[in-house]
């Protein structure tokens, strides 16, 4: 009897100890995996930060929560398929993807990690995010892309219908002037860089050329960075700027836009369409446009079917 009492006392003390430890609430179960409240909060915070950086308007709170949770559920389902199919990105592939992102943002990988740390995200969390993105893209391509085909009849019908006028690829001729920031900028440095970028935007709007702006800032501390980026499709423009560029008019200047490497001021010199507008695309371009349309539609359909076939339980 004394041993039984001792065991009960030990269990009681263990229960008391655990009572002081906050448990991470489960907000959803996706097959054999759970989505916790802390994971949801982190995902919501990242989306809010991105929206703030792009000056985008978020939906009402209830709608925003549903949007975030739906994205997390769909992501979990796709990663489960990627894992089962052996399509998860390797560390080397993740490193290459991060190096590409750093290059697109005109910085080194070390600089990129410094900026990521300033947002509150750890190096490991950022690597995991990129790993998930690469894995999902590869899985969707395998699940959908290999089965897509466009017939010659479809291409002919597409060209004759004139639908290409609304689905052409737009190229944007951009110029970008960057007021760089140090690795760990002080509040005063950030304010000064923002003010300097505003002055650059004002000068640009009043007719000053890119060459004159860069030359005037070449001897400043720190010297200006950036330059003429040439023609780029929206998919080749960093996401931080792409949403704004898509709504710019030729000759317009926008900024300052704070990015990991400093404050950017963008000038849209001109834009032109490939496969849209008045000139019909050639058959090869039309085929690529139709394949892209089919891929997007089929990928969305695949995720919907995946969710319908899976066990998903959402907790209020």
C-alpha atoms as a PDB file:
ATOM      1  CA  UNK A   1       0.000   0.000   0.000  1.00  0.00           C
ATOM      2  CA  UNK A   2       2.839   2.417   0.785  1.00  0.00           C
ATOM      3  CA  UNK A   3       4.304   1.864  -2.700  1.00  0.00           C
ATOM      4  CA  UNK A   4       0.934   2.618  -4.294  1.00  0.00           C
ATOM      5  CA  UNK A   5       0.622   5.847  -2.301  1.00  0.00           C
ATOM      6  CA  UNK A   6       4.134   6.873  -3.333  1.00  0.00           C
ATOM      7  CA  UNK A   7       3.289   6.307  -7.004  1.00  0.00           C
ATOM      8  CA  UNK A   8       0.071   8.326  -6.687  1.00  0.00           C
ATOM      9  CA  UNK A   9       1.920  11.177  -4.991  1.00  0.00           C
ATOM     10  CA  UNK A  10       4.548  11.152  -7.750  1.00  0.00           C
ATOM     11  CA  UNK A  11       1.850  11.254 -10.438  1.00  0.00           C
ATOM     12  CA  UNK A  12       0.093  14.087  -8.608  1.00  0.00           C
ATOM     13  CA  UNK A  13       3.312  16.138  -8.385  1.00  0.00           C
ATOM     14  CA  UNK A  14       4.054  15.502 -12.067  1.00  0.00           C
ATOM     15  CA  UNK A  15       0.569  16.725 -12.974  1.00  0.00           C
ATOM     16  CA  UNK A  16       1.121  19.890 -10.927  1.00  0.00           C
ATOM     17  CA  UNK A  17       4.440  20.503 -12.661  1.00  0.00           C
ATOM     18  CA  UNK A  18       2.899  20.153 -16.092  1.00  0.00           C
ATOM     19  CA  UNK A  19       0.016  22.416 -15.099  1.00  0.00           C
ATOM     20  CA  UNK A  20       2.422  25.371 -15.022  1.00  0.00           C
ATOM     21  CA  UNK A  21       3.669  24.697 -18.563  1.00  0.00           C
ATOM     22  CA  UNK A  22       1.560  26.382 -21.262  1.00  0.00           C
ATOM     23  CA  UNK A  23       0.487  23.890 -23.919  1.00  0.00           C
ATOM     24  CA  UNK A  24       0.557  24.825 -27.599  1.00  0.00           C
ATOM     25  CA  UNK A  25      -3.036  24.732 -28.781  1.00  0.00           C
ATOM     26  CA  UNK A  26      -3.889  22.632 -31.836  1.00  0.00           C
ATOM     27  CA  UNK A  27      -5.769  24.637 -34.459  1.00  0.00           C
ATOM     28  CA  UNK A  28      -5.992  21.947 -37.159  1.00  0.00           C
ATOM     29  CA  UNK A  29      -5.167  18.309 -37.871  1.00  0.00           C
ATOM     30  CA  UNK A  30      -4.062  17.397 -41.401  1.00  0.00           C
ATOM     31  CA  UNK A  31      -3.926  13.609 -41.824  1.00  0.00           C
ATOM     32  CA  UNK A  32      -1.247  12.583 -39.304  1.00  0.00           C
ATOM     33  CA  UNK A  33       0.142  16.087 -38.667  1.00  0.00           C
ATOM     34  CA  UNK A  34      -1.041  18.971 -36.523  1.00  0.00           C
ATOM     35  CA  UNK A  35      -0.915  22.729 -37.027  1.00  0.00           C
ATOM     36  CA  UNK A  36      -0.353  24.499 -33.725  1.00  0.00           C
ATOM     37  CA  UNK A  37      -1.329  27.950 -32.569  1.00  0.00           C
ATOM     38  CA  UNK A  38       2.298  29.087 -32.480  1.00  0.00           C
ATOM     39  CA  UNK A  39       2.823  27.919 -36.080  1.00  0.00           C
ATOM     40  CA  UNK A  40      -0.335  29.738 -37.130  1.00  0.00           C
ATOM     41  CA  UNK A  41       0.750  32.917 -35.333  1.00  0.00           C
ATOM     42  CA  UNK A  42       4.145  32.834 -37.034  1.00  0.00           C
ATOM     43  CA  UNK A  43       2.590  32.357 -40.489  1.00  0.00           C
ATOM     44  CA  UNK A  44       0.106  35.180 -39.873  1.00  0.00           C
ATOM     45  CA  UNK A  45       2.902  37.477 -38.696  1.00  0.00           C
ATOM     46  CA  UNK A  46       4.945  36.815 -41.836  1.00  0.00           C
ATOM     47  CA  UNK A  47       1.973  37.584 -44.089  1.00  0.00           C
ATOM     48  CA  UNK A  48       1.287  40.808 -42.162  1.00  0.00           C
ATOM     49  CA  UNK A  49       4.936  41.885 -42.508  1.00  0.00           C
ATOM     50  CA  UNK A  50       4.874  41.214 -46.238  1.00  0.00           C
ATOM     51  CA  UNK A  51       1.607  43.124 -46.639  1.00  0.00           C
ATOM     52  CA  UNK A  52       3.019  46.088 -44.715  1.00  0.00           C
ATOM     53  CA  UNK A  53       6.170  46.115 -46.855  1.00  0.00           C
ATOM     54  CA  UNK A  54       4.061  46.083 -50.032  1.00  0.00           C
ATOM     55  CA  UNK A  55       1.474  48.503 -48.630  1.00  0.00           C
ATOM     56  CA  UNK A  56      -1.216  45.902 -49.305  1.00  0.00           C
ATOM     57  CA  UNK A  57      -4.579  45.861 -47.526  1.00  0.00           C
ATOM     58  CA  UNK A  58      -5.414  42.743 -45.530  1.00  0.00           C
ATOM     59  CA  UNK A  59      -8.963  41.315 -45.352  1.00  0.00           C
ATOM     60  CA  UNK A  60     -11.060  41.598 -42.158  1.00  0.00           C
ATOM     61  CA  UNK A  61      -9.754  39.573 -39.154  1.00  0.00           C
ATOM     62  CA  UNK A  62     -12.054  36.550 -39.515  1.00  0.00           C
ATOM     63  CA  UNK A  63     -11.428  36.344 -43.249  1.00  0.00           C
ATOM     64  CA  UNK A  64      -7.686  36.823 -42.724  1.00  0.00           C
ATOM     65  CA  UNK A  65      -7.519  33.956 -40.207  1.00  0.00           C
ATOM     66  CA  UNK A  66      -9.358  31.629 -42.593  1.00  0.00           C
ATOM     67  CA  UNK A  67      -7.049  32.630 -45.441  1.00  0.00           C
ATOM     68  CA  UNK A  68      -3.896  31.926 -43.395  1.00  0.00           C
ATOM     69  CA  UNK A  69      -5.181  28.582 -42.103  1.00  0.00           C
ATOM     70  CA  UNK A  70      -6.294  27.466 -45.573  1.00  0.00           C
ATOM     71  CA  UNK A  71      -2.836  28.279 -46.935  1.00  0.00           C
ATOM     72  CA  UNK A  72      -1.188  26.321 -44.103  1.00  0.00           C
ATOM     73  CA  UNK A  73      -3.434  23.288 -44.660  1.00  0.00           C
ATOM     74  CA  UNK A  74      -2.788  23.261 -48.409  1.00  0.00           C
ATOM     75  CA  UNK A  75       0.940  23.643 -47.802  1.00  0.00           C
ATOM     76  CA  UNK A  76       0.980  20.767 -45.303  1.00  0.00           C
ATOM     77  CA  UNK A  77      -0.865  18.478 -47.729  1.00  0.00           C
ATOM     78  CA  UNK A  78       1.529  19.259 -50.584  1.00  0.00           C
ATOM     79  CA  UNK A  79       4.587  18.720 -48.397  1.00  0.00           C
ATOM     80  CA  UNK A  80       3.184  15.367 -47.288  1.00  0.00           C
ATOM     81  CA  UNK A  81       2.987  14.316 -50.940  1.00  0.00           C
ATOM     82  CA  UNK A  82       6.511  15.671 -51.555  1.00  0.00           C
ATOM     83  CA  UNK A  83       7.858  13.631 -48.653  1.00  0.00           C
ATOM     84  CA  UNK A  84       6.137  10.440 -49.772  1.00  0.00           C
ATOM     85  CA  UNK A  85       7.445  10.906 -53.328  1.00  0.00           C
ATOM     86  CA  UNK A  86      10.989  11.729 -52.203  1.00  0.00           C
ATOM     87  CA  UNK A  87      10.798  15.225 -53.684  1.00  0.00           C
ATOM     88  CA  UNK A  88      11.837  17.289 -50.679  1.00  0.00           C
ATOM     89  CA  UNK A  89      14.540  19.813 -51.534  1.00  0.00           C
ATOM     90  CA  UNK A  90      18.081  18.935 -50.468  1.00  0.00           C
ATOM     91  CA  UNK A  91      20.260  21.302 -48.402  1.00  0.00           C
ATOM     92  CA  UNK A  92      22.332  22.057 -51.523  1.00  0.00           C
ATOM     93  CA  UNK A  93      19.203  23.009 -53.474  1.00  0.00           C
ATOM     94  CA  UNK A  94      18.049  25.233 -50.628  1.00  0.00           C
ATOM     95  CA  UNK A  95      21.432  26.975 -50.537  1.00  0.00           C
ATOM     96  CA  UNK A  96      21.290  27.597 -54.291  1.00  0.00           C
ATOM     97  CA  UNK A  97      17.756  29.012 -54.062  1.00  0.00           C
ATOM     98  CA  UNK A  98      18.814  31.363 -51.262  1.00  0.00           C
ATOM     99  CA  UNK A  99      21.875  32.460 -53.244  1.00  0.00           C
ATOM    100  CA  UNK A 100      19.587  33.267 -56.192  1.00  0.00           C
ATOM    101  CA  UNK A 101      17.311  35.328 -53.947  1.00  0.00           C
ATOM    102  CA  UNK A 102      20.289  37.267 -52.582  1.00  0.00           C
ATOM    103  CA  UNK A 103      21.539  37.960 -56.117  1.00  0.00           C
ATOM    104  CA  UNK A 104      18.100  39.214 -57.214  1.00  0.00           C
ATOM    105  CA  UNK A 105      18.142  41.632 -54.292  1.00  0.00           C
ATOM    106  CA  UNK A 106      21.696  42.845 -55.066  1.00  0.00           C
ATOM    107  CA  UNK A 107      23.271  41.523 -51.859  1.00  0.00           C
ATOM    108  CA  UNK A 108      25.404  38.706 -50.522  1.00  0.00           C
ATOM    109  CA  UNK A 109      23.937  35.682 -48.785  1.00  0.00           C
ATOM    110  CA  UNK A 110      25.420  36.912 -45.502  1.00  0.00           C
ATOM    111  CA  UNK A 111      23.676  40.261 -45.962  1.00  0.00           C
ATOM    112  CA  UNK A 112      20.400  38.473 -46.697  1.00  0.00           C
ATOM    113  CA  UNK A 113      20.634  36.459 -43.483  1.00  0.00           C
ATOM    114  CA  UNK A 114      21.356  39.663 -41.553  1.00  0.00           C
ATOM    115  CA  UNK A 115      18.181  41.245 -42.917  1.00  0.00           C
ATOM    116  CA  UNK A 116      16.151  38.106 -42.236  1.00  0.00           C
ATOM    117  CA  UNK A 117      17.355  38.110 -38.624  1.00  0.00           C
ATOM    118  CA  UNK A 118      16.211  41.725 -38.272  1.00  0.00           C
ATOM    119  CA  UNK A 119      12.637  40.617 -39.059  1.00  0.00           C
ATOM    120  CA  UNK A 120      12.681  38.137 -36.169  1.00  0.00           C
ATOM    121  CA  UNK A 121      13.087  35.022 -38.323  1.00  0.00           C
ATOM    122  CA  UNK A 122      15.959  32.682 -37.563  1.00  0.00           C
ATOM    123  CA  UNK A 123      18.319  31.335 -40.195  1.00  0.00           C
ATOM    124  CA  UNK A 124      16.861  27.837 -39.745  1.00  0.00           C
ATOM    125  CA  UNK A 125      13.286  29.115 -40.133  1.00  0.00           C
ATOM    126  CA  UNK A 126      14.145  30.923 -43.358  1.00  0.00           C
ATOM    127  CA  UNK A 127      15.915  27.865 -44.763  1.00  0.00           C
ATOM    128  CA  UNK A 128      12.860  25.763 -43.911  1.00  0.00           C
ATOM    129  CA  UNK A 129      10.590  28.244 -45.674  1.00  0.00           C
ATOM    130  CA  UNK A 130      12.676  28.110 -48.854  1.00  0.00           C
ATOM    131  CA  UNK A 131      12.911  24.309 -48.616  1.00  0.00           C
ATOM    132  CA  UNK A 132       9.126  24.096 -48.478  1.00  0.00           C
ATOM    133  CA  UNK A 133       8.689  26.416 -51.466  1.00  0.00           C
ATOM    134  CA  UNK A 134      11.145  24.490 -53.652  1.00  0.00           C
ATOM    135  CA  UNK A 135       9.632  21.149 -52.608  1.00  0.00           C
ATOM    136  CA  UNK A 136       6.076  22.279 -53.371  1.00  0.00           C
ATOM    137  CA  UNK A 137       7.021  23.694 -56.784  1.00  0.00           C
ATOM    138  CA  UNK A 138       8.749  20.442 -57.717  1.00  0.00           C
ATOM    139  CA  UNK A 139       5.855  18.313 -56.496  1.00  0.00           C
ATOM    140  CA  UNK A 140       3.248  20.351 -58.373  1.00  0.00           C
ATOM    141  CA  UNK A 141       5.341  20.086 -61.518  1.00  0.00           C
ATOM    142  CA  UNK A 142       5.515  16.302 -61.184  1.00  0.00           C
ATOM    143  CA  UNK A 143       1.846  15.905 -60.312  1.00  0.00           C
ATOM    144  CA  UNK A 144       0.531  18.244 -62.999  1.00  0.00           C
ATOM    145  CA  UNK A 145       3.191  19.409 -65.444  1.00  0.00           C
ATOM    146  CA  UNK A 146       4.074  16.049 -66.942  1.00  0.00           C
ATOM    147  CA  UNK A 147       0.494  15.453 -68.104  1.00  0.00           C
ATOM    148  CA  UNK A 148      -0.024  18.799 -69.825  1.00  0.00           C
ATOM    149  CA  UNK A 149      -0.029  19.140 -73.567  1.00  0.00           C
ATOM    150  CA  UNK A 150      -1.289  21.652 -76.101  1.00  0.00           C
ATOM    151  CA  UNK A 151      -2.488  20.526 -79.525  1.00  0.00           C
ATOM    152  CA  UNK A 152      -1.919  22.400 -82.749  1.00  0.00           C
ATOM    153  CA  UNK A 153      -5.686  22.863 -82.986  1.00  0.00           C
ATOM    154  CA  UNK A 154      -5.754  24.537 -79.567  1.00  0.00           C
ATOM    155  CA  UNK A 155      -2.960  26.900 -80.606  1.00  0.00           C
ATOM    156  CA  UNK A 156      -4.771  27.824 -83.813  1.00  0.00           C
ATOM    157  CA  UNK A 157      -8.066  28.383 -81.969  1.00  0.00           C
ATOM    158  CA  UNK A 158      -6.274  30.454 -79.336  1.00  0.00           C
ATOM    159  CA  UNK A 159      -4.652  32.685 -81.932  1.00  0.00           C
ATOM    160  CA  UNK A 160      -7.880  33.069 -83.920  1.00  0.00           C
ATOM    161  CA  UNK A 161      -9.950  33.873 -80.830  1.00  0.00           C
ATOM    162  CA  UNK A 162      -7.837  36.878 -79.869  1.00  0.00           C
ATOM    163  CA  UNK A 163      -7.670  35.656 -76.241  1.00  0.00           C
ATOM    164  CA  UNK A 164      -3.921  36.217 -76.341  1.00  0.00           C
ATOM    165  CA  UNK A 165      -4.622  39.966 -76.176  1.00  0.00           C
ATOM    166  CA  UNK A 166      -5.547  39.492 -72.502  1.00  0.00           C
ATOM    167  CA  UNK A 167      -2.944  36.888 -71.554  1.00  0.00           C
ATOM    168  CA  UNK A 168       0.253  38.307 -73.012  1.00  0.00           C
ATOM    169  CA  UNK A 169       3.440  38.516 -70.987  1.00  0.00           C
ATOM    170  CA  UNK A 170       4.353  42.096 -70.081  1.00  0.00           C
ATOM    171  CA  UNK A 171       8.002  43.138 -69.847  1.00  0.00           C
ATOM    172  CA  UNK A 172       8.914  46.076 -67.606  1.00  0.00           C
ATOM    173  CA  UNK A 173      11.954  48.277 -68.255  1.00  0.00           C
ATOM    174  CA  UNK A 174      12.958  49.294 -64.732  1.00  0.00           C
ATOM    175  CA  UNK A 175      15.583  51.550 -63.237  1.00  0.00           C
ATOM    176  CA  UNK A 176      16.377  51.180 -59.549  1.00  0.00           C
ATOM    177  CA  UNK A 177      18.332  53.496 -57.245  1.00  0.00           C
ATOM    178  CA  UNK A 178      19.208  52.070 -53.832  1.00  0.00           C
ATOM    179  CA  UNK A 179      20.226  53.980 -50.718  1.00  0.00           C
ATOM    180  CA  UNK A 180      22.054  51.164 -48.885  1.00  0.00           C
ATOM    181  CA  UNK A 181      21.905  50.461 -45.177  1.00  0.00           C
ATOM    182  CA  UNK A 182      24.577  48.984 -42.942  1.00  0.00           C
ATOM    183  CA  UNK A 183      24.248  45.437 -41.593  1.00  0.00           C
ATOM    184  CA  UNK A 184      22.656  46.644 -38.355  1.00  0.00           C
ATOM    185  CA  UNK A 185      21.325  50.149 -39.082  1.00  0.00           C
ATOM    186  CA  UNK A 186      20.488  52.502 -36.237  1.00  0.00           C
ATOM    187  CA  UNK A 187      17.104  54.280 -36.152  1.00  0.00           C
ATOM    188  CA  UNK A 188      18.868  57.495 -37.154  1.00  0.00           C
ATOM    189  CA  UNK A 189      20.507  55.818 -40.156  1.00  0.00           C
ATOM    190  CA  UNK A 190      17.172  54.417 -41.297  1.00  0.00           C
ATOM    191  CA  UNK A 191      15.500  57.833 -41.093  1.00  0.00           C
ATOM    192  CA  UNK A 192      18.372  59.507 -42.961  1.00  0.00           C
ATOM    193  CA  UNK A 193      18.343  56.849 -45.707  1.00  0.00           C
ATOM    194  CA  UNK A 194      14.579  57.157 -46.102  1.00  0.00           C
ATOM    195  CA  UNK A 195      14.818  60.951 -46.420  1.00  0.00           C
ATOM    196  CA  UNK A 196      17.629  60.612 -48.957  1.00  0.00           C
ATOM    197  CA  UNK A 197      15.569  58.157 -51.014  1.00  0.00           C
ATOM    198  CA  UNK A 198      12.631  60.583 -50.963  1.00  0.00           C
ATOM    199  CA  UNK A 199      14.891  63.320 -52.333  1.00  0.00           C
ATOM    200  CA  UNK A 200      16.032  60.993 -55.116  1.00  0.00           C
ATOM    201  CA  UNK A 201      12.420  60.285 -56.039  1.00  0.00           C
ATOM    202  CA  UNK A 202      11.635  64.009 -56.154  1.00  0.00           C
ATOM    203  CA  UNK A 203      14.638  64.668 -58.399  1.00  0.00           C
ATOM    204  CA  UNK A 204      13.635  61.831 -60.715  1.00  0.00           C
ATOM    205  CA  UNK A 205      10.074  63.134 -60.975  1.00  0.00           C
ATOM    206  CA  UNK A 206      11.407  66.566 -61.923  1.00  0.00           C
ATOM    207  CA  UNK A 207      13.288  65.179 -64.907  1.00  0.00           C
ATOM    208  CA  UNK A 208      16.721  64.273 -63.522  1.00  0.00           C
ATOM    209  CA  UNK A 209      18.232  61.297 -65.377  1.00  0.00           C
ATOM    210  CA  UNK A 210      19.385  58.040 -63.827  1.00  0.00           C
ATOM    211  CA  UNK A 211      22.959  58.781 -64.881  1.00  0.00           C
ATOM    212  CA  UNK A 212      22.880  62.202 -63.192  1.00  0.00           C
ATOM    213  CA  UNK A 213      21.383  60.749 -60.009  1.00  0.00           C
ATOM    214  CA  UNK A 214      23.970  57.969 -59.789  1.00  0.00           C
ATOM    215  CA  UNK A 215      26.817  60.354 -60.556  1.00  0.00           C
ATOM    216  CA  UNK A 216      25.665  62.812 -57.886  1.00  0.00           C
ATOM    217  CA  UNK A 217      25.519  60.004 -55.337  1.00  0.00           C
ATOM    218  CA  UNK A 218      28.780  58.286 -56.291  1.00  0.00           C
ATOM    219  CA  UNK A 219      30.841  60.268 -53.777  1.00  0.00           C
ATOM    220  CA  UNK A 220      28.291  60.160 -50.976  1.00  0.00           C
ATOM    221  CA  UNK A 221      28.599  57.962 -47.920  1.00  0.00           C
ATOM    222  CA  UNK A 222      27.388  55.363 -48.545  1.00  0.00           C
ATOM    223  CA  UNK A 223      27.432  55.615 -52.355  1.00  0.00           C
ATOM    224  CA  UNK A 224      24.226  54.851 -54.208  1.00  0.00           C
ATOM    225  CA  UNK A 225      23.676  51.403 -55.681  1.00  0.00           C
ATOM    226  CA  UNK A 226      21.426  49.983 -58.388  1.00  0.00           C
ATOM    227  CA  UNK A 227      21.079  51.128 -61.986  1.00  0.00           C
ATOM    228  CA  UNK A 228      19.247  50.136 -65.137  1.00  0.00           C
ATOM    229  CA  UNK A 229      17.655  46.690 -64.763  1.00  0.00           C
ATOM    230  CA  UNK A 230      16.517  46.401 -68.388  1.00  0.00           C
ATOM    231  CA  UNK A 231      13.337  44.599 -69.455  1.00  0.00           C
ATOM    232  CA  UNK A 232      12.044  41.951 -67.050  1.00  0.00           C
ATOM    233  CA  UNK A 233       8.817  39.954 -66.761  1.00  0.00           C
ATOM    234  CA  UNK A 234       6.931  40.341 -63.506  1.00  0.00           C
ATOM    235  CA  UNK A 235       8.047  36.859 -62.421  1.00  0.00           C
ATOM    236  CA  UNK A 236      11.701  38.018 -62.515  1.00  0.00           C
ATOM    237  CA  UNK A 237      11.062  41.063 -60.325  1.00  0.00           C
ATOM    238  CA  UNK A 238      11.494  40.584 -56.548  1.00  0.00           C
ATOM    239  CA  UNK A 239       8.084  40.011 -54.889  1.00  0.00           C
ATOM    240  CA  UNK A 240       8.581  43.094 -52.721  1.00  0.00           C
ATOM    241  CA  UNK A 241       8.357  45.260 -55.855  1.00  0.00           C
ATOM    242  CA  UNK A 242       6.335  43.148 -58.291  1.00  0.00           C
ATOM    243  CA  UNK A 243       2.918  44.089 -56.909  1.00  0.00           C
ATOM    244  CA  UNK A 244       3.699  47.794 -57.227  1.00  0.00           C
ATOM    245  CA  UNK A 245       5.367  47.566 -60.634  1.00  0.00           C
ATOM    246  CA  UNK A 246       2.313  45.802 -62.078  1.00  0.00           C
ATOM    247  CA  UNK A 247       0.238  48.949 -61.389  1.00  0.00           C
ATOM    248  CA  UNK A 248       2.794  51.534 -62.519  1.00  0.00           C
ATOM    249  CA  UNK A 249       2.501  53.644 -65.660  1.00  0.00           C
ATOM    250  CA  UNK A 250       5.390  54.319 -68.018  1.00  0.00           C
ATOM    251  CA  UNK A 251       7.443  57.238 -66.685  1.00  0.00           C
ATOM    252  CA  UNK A 252       6.172  56.819 -63.110  1.00  0.00           C
ATOM    253  CA  UNK A 253       8.511  56.883 -60.122  1.00  0.00           C
ATOM    254  CA  UNK A 254       7.659  55.152 -56.838  1.00  0.00           C
ATOM    255  CA  UNK A 255       9.452  54.924 -53.513  1.00  0.00           C
ATOM    256  CA  UNK A 256      11.052  54.855 -51.080  1.00  0.00           C
ATOM    257  CA  UNK A 257      10.486  51.127 -50.628  1.00  0.00           C
ATOM    258  CA  UNK A 258      12.375  49.588 -47.721  1.00  0.00           C
ATOM    259  CA  UNK A 259      13.997  46.250 -48.578  1.00  0.00           C
ATOM    260  CA  UNK A 260      16.586  44.104 -46.771  1.00  0.00           C
ATOM    261  CA  UNK A 261      19.468  45.888 -48.503  1.00  0.00           C
ATOM    262  CA  UNK A 262      18.200  49.486 -48.222  1.00  0.00           C
ATOM    263  CA  UNK A 263      15.642  51.953 -49.577  1.00  0.00           C
ATOM    264  CA  UNK A 264      14.713  51.561 -53.260  1.00  0.00           C
ATOM    265  CA  UNK A 265      13.300  54.126 -55.668  1.00  0.00           C
ATOM    266  CA  UNK A 266      11.943  52.655 -58.908  1.00  0.00           C
ATOM    267  CA  UNK A 267      11.390  54.277 -62.279  1.00  0.00           C
ATOM    268  CA  UNK A 268       9.356  52.472 -64.939  1.00  0.00           C
ATOM    269  CA  UNK A 269      10.869  53.624 -68.229  1.00  0.00           C
ATOM    270  CA  UNK A 270       8.465  51.685 -70.448  1.00  0.00           C
ATOM    271  CA  UNK A 271       6.679  48.389 -70.794  1.00  0.00           C
ATOM    272  CA  UNK A 272       6.013  46.118 -73.725  1.00  0.00           C
ATOM    273  CA  UNK A 273       3.992  42.983 -74.300  1.00  0.00           C
ATOM    274  CA  UNK A 274       5.018  39.648 -75.726  1.00  0.00           C
ATOM    275  CA  UNK A 275       2.038  37.770 -77.066  1.00  0.00           C
ATOM    276  CA  UNK A 276      -0.418  40.481 -76.078  1.00  0.00           C
ATOM    277  CA  UNK A 277      -1.575  43.807 -77.466  1.00  0.00           C
ATOM    278  CA  UNK A 278      -2.047  44.196 -81.198  1.00  0.00           C
ATOM    279  CA  UNK A 279       0.677  41.849 -82.397  1.00  0.00           C
ATOM    280  CA  UNK A 280      -0.240  38.168 -82.222  1.00  0.00           C
ATOM    281  CA  UNK A 281       2.399  35.908 -80.663  1.00  0.00           C
ATOM    282  CA  UNK A 282       4.123  33.246 -82.708  1.00  0.00           C
ATOM    283  CA  UNK A 283       2.916  29.688 -82.286  1.00  0.00           C
ATOM    284  CA  UNK A 284       5.710  28.720 -79.873  1.00  0.00           C
ATOM    285  CA  UNK A 285       4.929  31.649 -77.570  1.00  0.00           C
ATOM    286  CA  UNK A 286       1.212  30.883 -77.779  1.00  0.00           C
ATOM    287  CA  UNK A 287       1.930  27.269 -76.813  1.00  0.00           C
ATOM    288  CA  UNK A 288       3.893  28.408 -73.726  1.00  0.00           C
ATOM    289  CA  UNK A 289       1.100  30.782 -72.730  1.00  0.00           C
ATOM    290  CA  UNK A 290      -1.507  28.015 -73.000  1.00  0.00           C
ATOM    291  CA  UNK A 291       0.688  25.586 -71.050  1.00  0.00           C
ATOM    292  CA  UNK A 292       1.088  28.139 -68.239  1.00  0.00           C
ATOM    293  CA  UNK A 293      -2.675  28.670 -68.085  1.00  0.00           C
ATOM    294  CA  UNK A 294      -3.304  24.934 -67.950  1.00  0.00           C
ATOM    295  CA  UNK A 295      -0.644  24.395 -65.301  1.00  0.00           C
ATOM    296  CA  UNK A 296      -2.111  27.026 -62.967  1.00  0.00           C
ATOM    297  CA  UNK A 297      -5.629  25.647 -63.355  1.00  0.00           C
ATOM    298  CA  UNK A 298      -4.574  22.016 -62.940  1.00  0.00           C
ATOM    299  CA  UNK A 299      -2.359  22.767 -59.937  1.00  0.00           C
ATOM    300  CA  UNK A 300      -5.262  24.473 -58.155  1.00  0.00           C
ATOM    301  CA  UNK A 301      -7.530  21.549 -59.026  1.00  0.00           C
ATOM    302  CA  UNK A 302      -4.958  19.039 -57.745  1.00  0.00           C
ATOM    303  CA  UNK A 303      -4.708  20.787 -54.368  1.00  0.00           C
ATOM    304  CA  UNK A 304      -8.512  20.862 -54.106  1.00  0.00           C
ATOM    305  CA  UNK A 305      -8.721  17.121 -54.788  1.00  0.00           C
ATOM    306  CA  UNK A 306      -5.903  16.442 -52.362  1.00  0.00           C
ATOM    307  CA  UNK A 307      -7.764  18.273 -49.621  1.00  0.00           C
ATOM    308  CA  UNK A 308     -11.049  16.514 -50.405  1.00  0.00           C
ATOM    309  CA  UNK A 309      -9.343  13.105 -50.145  1.00  0.00           C
ATOM    310  CA  UNK A 310      -7.537  13.894 -46.881  1.00  0.00           C
ATOM    311  CA  UNK A 311      -8.535  14.016 -43.244  1.00  0.00           C
ATOM    312  CA  UNK A 312      -8.666  17.672 -42.225  1.00  0.00           C
ATOM    313  CA  UNK A 313     -10.158  18.804 -38.937  1.00  0.00           C
ATOM    314  CA  UNK A 314     -10.207  22.480 -37.924  1.00  0.00           C
ATOM    315  CA  UNK A 315     -10.624  23.414 -34.281  1.00  0.00           C
ATOM    316  CA  UNK A 316     -12.449  26.657 -33.390  1.00  0.00           C
END
